[in-house]
Amino acid sequence: MDYKESEAPLTTITYDRDEIENPTGNLYEAIVIMAKRASQINGDLKTELVEKLEEFATHNDSLEEVFENKEQIEVSKFYERLPKPTAIAIEEWLEGRTYHRKPDTDTQ
């Protein structure tokens, strides 16, 4: 998924509790699902950022040659301006784009 196109808010907002718990009927279960999704999103974004920053990596052991790379700074700033993974996960949850299921409890 392209998280750069997300319409998630950049600041903290209040959500309707009933809206969040409707898909599962349990607020805590909904929060756990959203938290797991936020962890997935965070991992994806981190992997993507590390890959992009690897392009700028210099493999030099000399500490004397530390210099500023404008492109690297722009890439970092871009990722800092993205909505937080929790905001993206909540947006996906409220729009019904998060898949979740319960494993069968009586599998004997």
Protein backbone atom coordinates (compact mmCIF):
# COMPACT_ATOMS: atom_id res chain seq x y z
CA MET A 1 0.00 0.00 0.00
CA ASP A 2 1.15 3.53 -0.67
CA TYR A 3 1.23 5.27 2.70
CA LYS A 4 2.32 8.52 1.07
CA GLU A 5 -1.21 8.98 -0.32
CA SER A 6 -2.85 8.56 3.10
CA GLU A 7 -5.40 11.13 4.24
CA ALA A 8 -4.71 10.34 7.91
CA PRO A 9 -4.48 13.39 10.18
CA LEU A 10 -1.05 14.71 11.12
CA THR A 11 -2.20 15.79 14.58
CA THR A 12 -4.05 14.08 17.40
CA ILE A 13 -7.82 14.01 17.06
CA THR A 14 -10.67 12.46 19.03
CA TYR A 15 -12.51 9.48 17.54
CA ASP A 16 -15.99 8.16 18.30
CA ARG A 17 -15.55 5.09 20.49
CA ASP A 18 -18.63 3.40 19.03
CA GLU A 19 -17.29 3.81 15.51
CA ILE A 20 -14.04 2.12 16.49
CA GLU A 21 -15.64 -0.81 18.29
CA ASN A 22 -18.43 -1.51 15.73
CA PRO A 23 -16.54 -3.97 13.48
CA THR A 24 -15.60 -6.26 16.39
CA GLY A 25 -18.08 -5.38 19.12
CA ASN A 26 -15.17 -5.04 21.54
CA LEU A 27 -13.15 -1.85 21.94
CA TYR A 28 -10.04 -3.60 23.28
CA GLU A 29 -10.01 -6.13 20.46
CA ALA A 30 -10.27 -3.28 17.93
CA ILE A 31 -7.37 -1.46 19.60
CA VAL A 32 -5.19 -4.60 19.48
CA ILE A 33 -5.97 -5.07 15.79
CA MET A 34 -5.14 -1.43 15.03
CA ALA A 35 -1.92 -1.65 17.09
CA LYS A 36 -0.77 -4.73 15.15
CA ARG A 37 -1.55 -2.98 11.87
CA ALA A 38 0.37 0.12 13.02
CA SER A 39 3.37 -2.11 13.76
CA GLN A 40 3.17 -3.54 10.24
CA ILE A 41 2.97 -0.06 8.71
CA ASN A 42 5.88 1.13 10.85
CA GLY A 43 8.00 -1.81 9.70
CA ASP A 44 7.17 -1.15 6.05
CA LEU A 45 8.00 2.54 6.32
CA LYS A 46 11.24 1.84 8.19
CA THR A 47 12.36 -0.70 5.60
CA GLU A 48 11.56 1.71 2.78
CA LEU A 49 13.43 4.56 4.48
CA VAL A 50 16.50 2.43 5.20
CA GLU A 51 16.61 1.29 1.56
CA LYS A 52 16.48 4.89 0.34
CA LEU A 53 19.12 6.06 2.82
CA GLU A 54 21.43 3.19 1.83
CA GLU A 55 21.86 4.92 -1.53
CA PHE A 56 23.61 7.77 0.29
CA ALA A 57 25.71 5.61 2.61
CA THR A 58 29.44 6.03 2.45
CA HIS A 59 31.44 3.05 3.60
CA ASN A 60 34.40 4.96 4.95
CA ASP A 61 35.92 4.40 8.38
CA SER A 62 37.32 7.91 8.60
CA LEU A 63 35.44 10.12 11.05
CA GLU A 64 37.06 13.21 9.62
CA GLU A 65 35.05 13.17 6.42
CA VAL A 66 31.55 13.79 7.72
CA PHE A 67 29.61 15.93 5.28
CA GLU A 68 26.04 17.03 4.77
CA ASN A 69 24.06 15.45 1.95
CA LYS A 70 21.09 17.60 0.93
CA GLU A 71 19.22 14.76 -0.81
CA GLN A 72 19.52 12.54 2.26
CA ILE A 73 18.13 15.32 4.44
CA GLU A 74 15.19 15.84 2.06
CA VAL A 75 14.35 12.12 2.11
CA SER A 76 14.45 12.08 5.91
CA LYS A 77 12.26 15.19 6.16
CA PHE A 78 9.73 13.67 3.75
CA TYR A 79 9.32 10.60 5.95
CA GLU A 80 9.10 12.75 9.08
CA ARG A 81 6.17 14.67 7.56
CA LEU A 82 4.14 11.53 6.83
CA PRO A 83 1.26 10.69 9.19
CA LYS A 84 2.21 8.45 12.09
CA PRO A 85 1.63 4.71 11.61
CA THR A 86 -1.06 4.72 14.32
CA ALA A 87 -3.02 7.44 12.49
CA ILE A 88 -2.79 5.48 9.24
CA ALA A 89 -3.92 2.28 10.99
CA ILE A 90 -6.91 4.05 12.56
CA GLU A 91 -7.86 5.56 9.20
CA GLU A 92 -7.71 2.10 7.56
CA TRP A 93 -9.78 0.61 10.40
CA LEU A 94 -12.51 3.25 10.19
CA GLU A 95 -12.71 2.91 6.40
CA GLY A 96 -12.99 -0.89 6.66
CA ARG A 97 -9.73 -1.57 4.83
CA THR A 98 -8.21 -3.68 7.62
CA TYR A 99 -8.69 -7.42 7.35
CA HIS A 100 -9.03 -9.28 10.62
CA ARG A 101 -10.33 -12.66 11.70
CA LYS A 102 -10.64 -14.74 14.83
CA PRO A 103 -9.08 -18.17 14.87
CA ASP A 104 -11.52 -20.91 15.76
CA THR A 105 -11.60 -21.34 19.52
CA ASP A 106 -13.05 -24.87 19.52
CA THR A 107 -10.52 -26.69 17.34
CA GLN A 108 -10.22 -30.00 19.19
